[in-house]
Amino acid sequence: VEQPFLLTDNLGKYDIDVTLKGGGITGQAEALRLAISRALLKIDPEYRPVLKEKGLLKRDPRMVERKKPGQPKARKKFQFSKR
């Protein structure tokens, strides 16, 4: 979460109060890191190359795969018996 501040030399300059809902600890931390990076960009657009190089301006696109009909889970199949 501190990474955007460290890369832009802004550690300790801003006071942040955040409320996060949903997801797990890691997902919330990554969402907060992205939000801080975007906020720093609005303050000073010159931070873009530094943040972009470290991949702080991209969200994690991975999503939970949906459950399919006829299966107990997304990929798991019901036990198959030949006889």
N, C-alpha and C. Protein backbone atom coordinates (compact mmCIF):
# COMPACT_ATOMS: atom_id res chain seq x y z
N VAL A 1 0.84 -1.19 0.00
CA VAL A 1 0.00 0.00 0.00
C VAL A 1 0.88 1.25 0.00
N GLU A 2 2.04 1.17 0.61
CA GLU A 2 2.95 2.33 0.66
C GLU A 2 3.74 2.50 -0.63
N GLN A 3 3.74 1.49 -1.48
CA GLN A 3 4.59 1.49 -2.68
C GLN A 3 4.42 2.74 -3.55
N PRO A 4 3.19 3.19 -3.85
CA PRO A 4 3.07 4.40 -4.69
C PRO A 4 3.72 5.62 -4.04
N PHE A 5 3.61 5.73 -2.72
CA PHE A 5 4.23 6.86 -2.01
C PHE A 5 5.75 6.77 -2.05
N LEU A 6 6.28 5.56 -1.89
CA LEU A 6 7.73 5.38 -1.90
C LEU A 6 8.32 5.72 -3.28
N LEU A 7 7.64 5.27 -4.34
CA LEU A 7 8.15 5.51 -5.69
C LEU A 7 8.10 6.98 -6.09
N THR A 8 7.15 7.73 -5.53
CA THR A 8 6.99 9.14 -5.91
C THR A 8 7.54 10.09 -4.84
N ASP A 9 8.24 9.56 -3.85
CA ASP A 9 8.82 10.35 -2.76
C ASP A 9 7.77 11.19 -2.03
N ASN A 10 6.62 10.60 -1.76
CA ASN A 10 5.55 11.30 -1.06
C ASN A 10 5.21 10.66 0.28
N LEU A 11 6.07 9.80 0.78
CA LEU A 11 5.78 9.09 2.03
C LEU A 11 5.72 10.09 3.19
N GLY A 12 4.58 10.13 3.88
CA GLY A 12 4.41 11.03 5.01
C GLY A 12 3.83 12.39 4.66
N LYS A 13 3.62 12.65 3.37
CA LYS A 13 3.09 13.96 2.96
C LYS A 13 1.57 14.03 3.01
N TYR A 14 0.91 12.87 2.90
CA TYR A 14 -0.55 12.84 2.83
C TYR A 14 -1.11 11.99 3.96
N ASP A 15 -2.28 12.42 4.46
CA ASP A 15 -2.99 11.67 5.50
C ASP A 15 -4.21 11.04 4.83
N ILE A 16 -4.31 9.71 4.90
CA ILE A 16 -5.36 8.99 4.19
C ILE A 16 -6.28 8.28 5.19
N ASP A 17 -7.59 8.44 4.99
CA ASP A 17 -8.58 7.72 5.77
C ASP A 17 -9.42 6.91 4.79
N VAL A 18 -9.37 5.58 4.88
CA VAL A 18 -9.98 4.71 3.88
C VAL A 18 -10.92 3.71 4.53
N THR A 19 -12.05 3.45 3.87
CA THR A 19 -12.96 2.38 4.27
C THR A 19 -13.12 1.44 3.08
N LEU A 20 -12.75 0.18 3.27
CA LEU A 20 -12.83 -0.81 2.19
C LEU A 20 -13.88 -1.85 2.53
N LYS A 21 -14.61 -2.29 1.50
CA LYS A 21 -15.62 -3.33 1.70
C LYS A 21 -15.46 -4.40 0.63
N GLY A 22 -15.74 -5.64 1.00
CA GLY A 22 -15.73 -6.74 0.04
C GLY A 22 -14.34 -7.27 -0.22
N GLY A 23 -14.29 -8.48 -0.73
CA GLY A 23 -13.03 -9.11 -1.06
C GLY A 23 -12.25 -9.54 0.16
N GLY A 24 -11.02 -9.98 -0.07
CA GLY A 24 -10.15 -10.41 1.02
C GLY A 24 -9.10 -9.37 1.32
N ILE A 25 -8.19 -9.73 2.19
CA ILE A 25 -7.14 -8.79 2.62
C ILE A 25 -6.26 -8.37 1.44
N THR A 26 -5.81 -9.35 0.66
CA THR A 26 -4.92 -9.05 -0.46
C THR A 26 -5.64 -8.22 -1.53
N GLY A 27 -6.87 -8.60 -1.85
CA GLY A 27 -7.64 -7.87 -2.85
C GLY A 27 -7.89 -6.43 -2.45
N GLN A 28 -8.19 -6.22 -1.17
CA GLN A 28 -8.41 -4.87 -0.68
C GLN A 28 -7.12 -4.06 -0.71
N ALA A 29 -6.01 -4.69 -0.36
CA ALA A 29 -4.71 -4.00 -0.38
C ALA A 29 -4.35 -3.57 -1.80
N GLU A 30 -4.58 -4.46 -2.77
CA GLU A 30 -4.27 -4.12 -4.16
C GLU A 30 -5.20 -3.03 -4.69
N ALA A 31 -6.46 -3.08 -4.28
CA ALA A 31 -7.42 -2.04 -4.70
C ALA A 31 -7.02 -0.68 -4.13
N LEU A 32 -6.59 -0.68 -2.88
CA LEU A 32 -6.15 0.57 -2.24
C LEU A 32 -4.89 1.11 -2.90
N ARG A 33 -3.98 0.21 -3.25
CA ARG A 33 -2.74 0.62 -3.92
C ARG A 33 -3.05 1.28 -5.26
N LEU A 34 -4.00 0.70 -6.00
CA LEU A 34 -4.41 1.27 -7.29
C LEU A 34 -5.07 2.64 -7.09
N ALA A 35 -5.93 2.74 -6.07
CA ALA A 35 -6.62 4.01 -5.79
C ALA A 35 -5.63 5.11 -5.42
N ILE A 36 -4.64 4.77 -4.60
CA ILE A 36 -3.62 5.75 -4.21
C ILE A 36 -2.82 6.19 -5.43
N SER A 37 -2.46 5.23 -6.29
CA SER A 37 -1.70 5.55 -7.50
C SER A 37 -2.48 6.50 -8.40
N ARG A 38 -3.78 6.24 -8.56
CA ARG A 38 -4.61 7.10 -9.41
C ARG A 38 -4.77 8.49 -8.80
N ALA A 39 -4.88 8.54 -7.47
CA ALA A 39 -5.00 9.84 -6.80
C ALA A 39 -3.72 10.66 -6.96
N LEU A 40 -2.57 10.00 -6.84
CA LEU A 40 -1.29 10.70 -7.02
C LEU A 40 -1.15 11.22 -8.44
N LEU A 41 -1.69 10.48 -9.42
CA LEU A 41 -1.65 10.93 -10.81
C LEU A 41 -2.47 12.21 -11.00
N LYS A 42 -3.60 12.30 -10.31
CA LYS A 42 -4.42 13.51 -10.42
C LYS A 42 -3.71 14.72 -9.81
N ILE A 43 -2.91 14.47 -8.77
CA ILE A 43 -2.15 15.55 -8.14
C ILE A 43 -1.03 16.01 -9.06
N ASP A 44 -0.29 15.03 -9.62
CA ASP A 44 0.84 15.37 -10.49
C ASP A 44 0.97 14.32 -11.60
N PRO A 45 0.58 14.65 -12.84
CA PRO A 45 0.64 13.69 -13.95
C PRO A 45 2.06 13.23 -14.30
N GLU A 46 3.08 13.90 -13.79
CA GLU A 46 4.46 13.52 -14.08
C GLU A 46 4.85 12.21 -13.40
N TYR A 47 4.02 11.73 -12.46
CA TYR A 47 4.30 10.46 -11.79
C TYR A 47 3.98 9.25 -12.67
N ARG A 48 3.27 9.47 -13.78
CA ARG A 48 2.80 8.36 -14.61
C ARG A 48 3.90 7.38 -15.04
N PRO A 49 5.03 7.84 -15.60
CA PRO A 49 6.05 6.87 -16.04
C PRO A 49 6.57 5.99 -14.90
N VAL A 50 6.76 6.57 -13.73
CA VAL A 50 7.29 5.82 -12.58
C VAL A 50 6.29 4.76 -12.13
N LEU A 51 5.02 5.16 -12.00
CA LEU A 51 3.98 4.23 -11.54
C LEU A 51 3.68 3.17 -12.60
N LYS A 52 3.70 3.56 -13.86
CA LYS A 52 3.39 2.63 -14.94
C LYS A 52 4.47 1.56 -15.06
N GLU A 53 5.72 1.95 -14.86
CA GLU A 53 6.85 1.02 -14.95
C GLU A 53 6.72 -0.11 -13.94
N LYS A 54 6.22 0.20 -12.76
CA LYS A 54 6.06 -0.81 -11.71
C LYS A 54 4.71 -1.51 -11.77
N GLY A 55 3.86 -1.16 -12.74
CA GLY A 55 2.57 -1.81 -12.91
C GLY A 55 1.53 -1.42 -11.88
N LEU A 56 1.62 -0.22 -11.34
CA LEU A 56 0.68 0.21 -10.30
C LEU A 56 -0.58 0.86 -10.87
N LEU A 57 -0.66 0.99 -12.19
CA LEU A 57 -1.84 1.61 -12.78
C LEU A 57 -2.75 0.57 -13.44
N LYS A 58 -2.46 -0.71 -13.21
CA LYS A 58 -3.28 -1.79 -13.76
C LYS A 58 -3.98 -2.53 -12.63
N ARG A 59 -5.24 -2.91 -12.86
CA ARG A 59 -5.93 -3.74 -11.87
C ARG A 59 -5.73 -5.20 -12.25
N ASP A 60 -5.91 -6.08 -11.30
CA ASP A 60 -5.77 -7.51 -11.53
C ASP A 60 -7.05 -8.00 -12.22
N PRO A 61 -6.97 -8.44 -13.48
CA PRO A 61 -8.18 -8.79 -14.22
C PRO A 61 -8.78 -10.15 -13.87
N ARG A 62 -8.12 -10.93 -13.03
CA ARG A 62 -8.61 -12.28 -12.74
C ARG A 62 -9.92 -12.24 -11.96
N MET A 63 -10.88 -13.02 -12.42
CA MET A 63 -12.18 -13.10 -11.77
C MET A 63 -12.50 -14.56 -11.48
N VAL A 64 -13.44 -14.79 -10.58
CA VAL A 64 -13.86 -16.15 -10.27
C VAL A 64 -14.66 -16.69 -11.45
N GLU A 65 -14.29 -17.91 -11.88
CA GLU A 65 -15.00 -18.54 -12.99
C GLU A 65 -16.37 -19.02 -12.52
N ARG A 66 -17.37 -18.86 -13.36
CA ARG A 66 -18.72 -19.22 -12.95
C ARG A 66 -18.91 -20.73 -12.87
N LYS A 67 -19.86 -21.15 -12.07
CA LYS A 67 -20.22 -22.56 -11.94
C LYS A 67 -21.07 -22.93 -13.16
N LYS A 68 -20.75 -24.08 -13.77
CA LYS A 68 -21.50 -24.53 -14.94
C LYS A 68 -22.57 -25.54 -14.53
N PRO A 69 -23.67 -25.60 -15.28
CA PRO A 69 -24.70 -26.59 -14.97
C PRO A 69 -24.20 -28.01 -15.23
N GLY A 70 -24.63 -28.95 -14.41
CA GLY A 70 -24.20 -30.34 -14.57
C GLY A 70 -22.86 -30.62 -13.94
N GLN A 71 -22.32 -29.66 -13.21
CA GLN A 71 -21.04 -29.82 -12.52
C GLN A 71 -21.18 -29.26 -11.11
N PRO A 72 -20.43 -29.84 -10.14
CA PRO A 72 -20.53 -29.32 -8.78
C PRO A 72 -19.85 -27.96 -8.59
N LYS A 73 -18.82 -27.68 -9.40
CA LYS A 73 -18.10 -26.40 -9.33
C LYS A 73 -17.77 -25.94 -10.74
N ALA A 74 -16.93 -24.92 -10.86
CA ALA A 74 -16.60 -24.38 -12.17
C ALA A 74 -15.85 -25.39 -13.04
N ARG A 75 -14.86 -26.07 -12.48
CA ARG A 75 -14.05 -27.02 -13.25
C ARG A 75 -14.25 -28.47 -12.81
N LYS A 76 -14.65 -28.67 -11.57
CA LYS A 76 -14.81 -30.02 -11.03
C LYS A 76 -15.99 -30.73 -11.69
N LYS A 77 -15.81 -32.02 -11.97
CA LYS A 77 -16.89 -32.82 -12.56
C LYS A 77 -17.40 -33.81 -11.52
N PHE A 78 -18.65 -34.24 -11.71
CA PHE A 78 -19.17 -35.30 -10.86
C PHE A 78 -18.41 -36.59 -11.15
N GLN A 79 -18.31 -37.47 -10.16
CA GLN A 79 -17.57 -38.72 -10.32
C GLN A 79 -18.18 -39.55 -11.44
N PHE A 80 -17.32 -40.08 -12.32
CA PHE A 80 -17.77 -40.85 -13.48
C PHE A 80 -17.53 -42.34 -13.23
N SER A 81 -18.55 -43.15 -13.49
CA SER A 81 -18.42 -44.60 -13.32
C SER A 81 -18.71 -45.27 -14.66
N LYS A 82 -17.80 -46.14 -15.11
CA LYS A 82 -17.99 -46.84 -16.38
C LYS A 82 -19.07 -47.91 -16.26
N ARG A 83 -19.18 -48.53 -15.08
CA ARG A 83 -20.16 -49.60 -14.89
C ARG A 83 -21.09 -49.30 -13.76
